[in-house]
Amino acid sequence: MLTPRETEILEILNKGIHSPTILAAELGITQSGATQALQKLEKKGIVTRTKVGRNVFYRPNAEEKVEPVRETDEDLELIRESYHFLSKVWSHLLRLDLTHEELAKVRDARNLLEEILVRRGKNLD
């Protein structure tokens, strides 16, 4: 039985991402965290580890392929609404006395939603 996070990792691996470094970026975790998660999947026999020179790659075993979850228009509409709401929050927060780090976190969240919509070919309006 796979955890939801393990299923998410397999979905990413099935997209062709096989490096712990890139997986970490996709999941928003450290490279060490990604490597540990992949090593757990390897111990369960779900992925295979291959070393090429100094690089290590992980690939799902053929029988463990997971079909990616398809988002619906309703899902993307919720993301679009969240993006617009965060834009309003961002405008308000600029007027407050917040640290650069606090502002950066809100900006990053808004930018991530924008990136998701653009990658899916959706209009931001």
Protein backbone atom coordinates (compact mmCIF):
# COMPACT_ATOMS: atom_id res chain seq x y z
CA MET A 1 0.00 0.00 0.00
CA LEU A 2 1.37 3.40 -1.01
CA THR A 3 0.98 6.61 0.94
CA PRO A 4 -0.46 9.63 -0.91
CA ARG A 5 3.05 11.16 -1.00
CA GLU A 6 4.53 7.95 -2.49
CA THR A 7 1.79 7.96 -5.12
CA GLU A 8 2.63 11.59 -5.91
CA ILE A 9 6.32 10.69 -6.26
CA LEU A 10 5.49 7.83 -8.63
CA GLU A 11 3.34 10.15 -10.73
CA ILE A 12 6.28 12.54 -11.06
CA LEU A 13 8.66 9.67 -11.90
CA ASN A 14 6.23 8.50 -14.58
CA LYS A 15 6.50 11.96 -16.19
CA GLY A 16 10.19 11.28 -16.81
CA ILE A 17 11.72 13.01 -13.81
CA HIS A 18 14.24 10.55 -12.40
CA SER A 19 16.74 12.72 -10.51
CA PRO A 20 16.37 13.34 -6.75
CA THR A 21 17.39 16.97 -7.32
CA ILE A 22 14.63 17.65 -9.83
CA LEU A 23 12.13 15.62 -7.81
CA ALA A 24 12.95 17.77 -4.77
CA ALA A 25 12.23 20.92 -6.78
CA GLU A 26 8.92 19.50 -8.01
CA LEU A 27 7.84 18.58 -4.47
CA GLY A 28 9.24 21.69 -2.78
CA ILE A 29 11.41 19.65 -0.41
CA THR A 30 15.14 19.24 0.15
CA GLN A 31 17.25 17.00 -2.05
CA SER A 32 18.00 14.91 1.03
CA GLY A 33 14.26 14.46 1.65
CA ALA A 34 13.68 13.41 -1.95
CA THR A 35 16.57 10.93 -1.80
CA GLN A 36 15.23 9.42 1.43
CA ALA A 37 11.74 9.05 -0.04
CA LEU A 38 13.16 7.39 -3.16
CA GLN A 39 15.28 5.05 -1.04
CA LYS A 40 12.15 3.98 0.88
CA LEU A 41 10.40 3.24 -2.42
CA GLU A 42 13.47 1.28 -3.54
CA LYS A 43 13.37 -0.84 -0.35
CA LYS A 44 9.68 -1.55 -1.03
CA GLY A 45 10.66 -2.72 -4.52
CA ILE A 46 8.64 -0.02 -6.25
CA VAL A 47 11.51 1.83 -7.92
CA THR A 48 14.90 0.82 -9.27
CA ARG A 49 18.06 2.80 -8.61
CA THR A 50 20.65 3.29 -11.37
CA LYS A 51 24.00 4.99 -10.96
CA VAL A 52 25.59 6.67 -13.99
CA GLY A 53 28.97 8.08 -13.05
CA ARG A 54 28.32 10.28 -10.04
CA ASN A 55 24.61 10.65 -10.79
CA VAL A 56 21.86 8.47 -9.34
CA PHE A 57 18.52 8.01 -11.10
CA TYR A 58 15.34 6.25 -9.99
CA ARG A 59 12.79 4.67 -12.26
CA PRO A 60 9.48 3.06 -11.33
CA ASN A 61 9.28 -0.67 -11.88
CA ALA A 62 7.04 -1.43 -14.87
CA GLU A 63 4.26 -2.99 -12.81
CA GLU A 64 4.08 0.02 -10.49
CA LYS A 65 3.10 2.62 -13.10
CA VAL A 66 0.55 5.03 -11.68
CA GLU A 67 -1.80 6.93 -13.94
CA PRO A 68 -1.58 10.67 -13.27
CA VAL A 69 -4.67 12.31 -11.80
CA ARG A 70 -6.31 14.53 -14.38
CA GLU A 71 -7.43 17.91 -13.17
CA THR A 72 -10.86 19.13 -14.13
CA ASP A 73 -11.93 22.59 -15.24
CA GLU A 74 -13.39 22.96 -11.75
CA ASP A 75 -9.94 22.33 -10.23
CA LEU A 76 -8.32 24.91 -12.49
CA GLU A 77 -11.09 27.41 -11.77
CA LEU A 78 -10.39 27.06 -8.04
CA ILE A 79 -6.68 27.66 -8.71
CA ARG A 80 -7.56 30.74 -10.80
CA GLU A 81 -9.79 32.11 -8.02
CA SER A 82 -7.03 31.47 -5.46
CA TYR A 83 -4.54 33.29 -7.68
CA HIS A 84 -6.80 36.36 -7.88
CA PHE A 85 -7.44 36.30 -4.14
CA LEU A 86 -3.70 36.10 -3.41
CA SER A 87 -3.18 39.03 -5.77
CA LYS A 88 -5.59 41.08 -3.63
CA VAL A 89 -3.86 39.91 -0.46
CA TRP A 90 -0.50 40.85 -1.99
CA SER A 91 -1.72 44.39 -2.71
CA HIS A 92 -2.89 44.76 0.87
CA LEU A 93 0.27 43.29 2.40
CA LEU A 94 2.46 45.77 0.56
CA ARG A 95 0.92 48.47 2.75
CA LEU A 96 1.86 46.65 5.96
CA ASP A 97 5.17 46.63 7.77
CA LEU A 98 6.23 43.09 6.89
CA THR A 99 9.70 41.67 6.50
CA HIS A 100 11.16 40.98 3.10
CA GLU A 101 10.97 37.24 3.87
CA GLU A 102 7.26 37.39 4.74
CA LEU A 103 6.47 39.29 1.55
CA ALA A 104 8.56 36.87 -0.51
CA LYS A 105 6.55 33.89 0.77
CA VAL A 106 3.24 35.43 -0.29
CA ARG A 107 4.69 36.48 -3.65
CA ASP A 108 6.08 32.96 -4.20
CA ALA A 109 2.69 31.39 -3.44
CA ARG A 110 0.96 33.70 -5.94
CA ASN A 111 3.65 33.06 -8.56
CA LEU A 112 3.31 29.31 -8.13
CA LEU A 113 -0.42 29.45 -8.82
CA GLU A 114 0.24 31.62 -11.87
CA GLU A 115 2.83 29.12 -13.11
CA ILE A 116 0.38 26.23 -12.72
CA LEU A 117 -2.28 28.04 -14.72
CA VAL A 118 0.14 29.07 -17.47
CA ARG A 119 1.55 25.52 -17.77
CA ARG A 120 -1.99 24.22 -18.17
CA GLY A 121 -2.73 26.81 -20.86
CA LYS A 122 -5.33 28.61 -18.80
CA ASN A 123 -6.07 32.33 -18.96
CA LEU A 124 -5.41 34.30 -15.77
CA ASP A 125 -8.40 36.60 -16.27
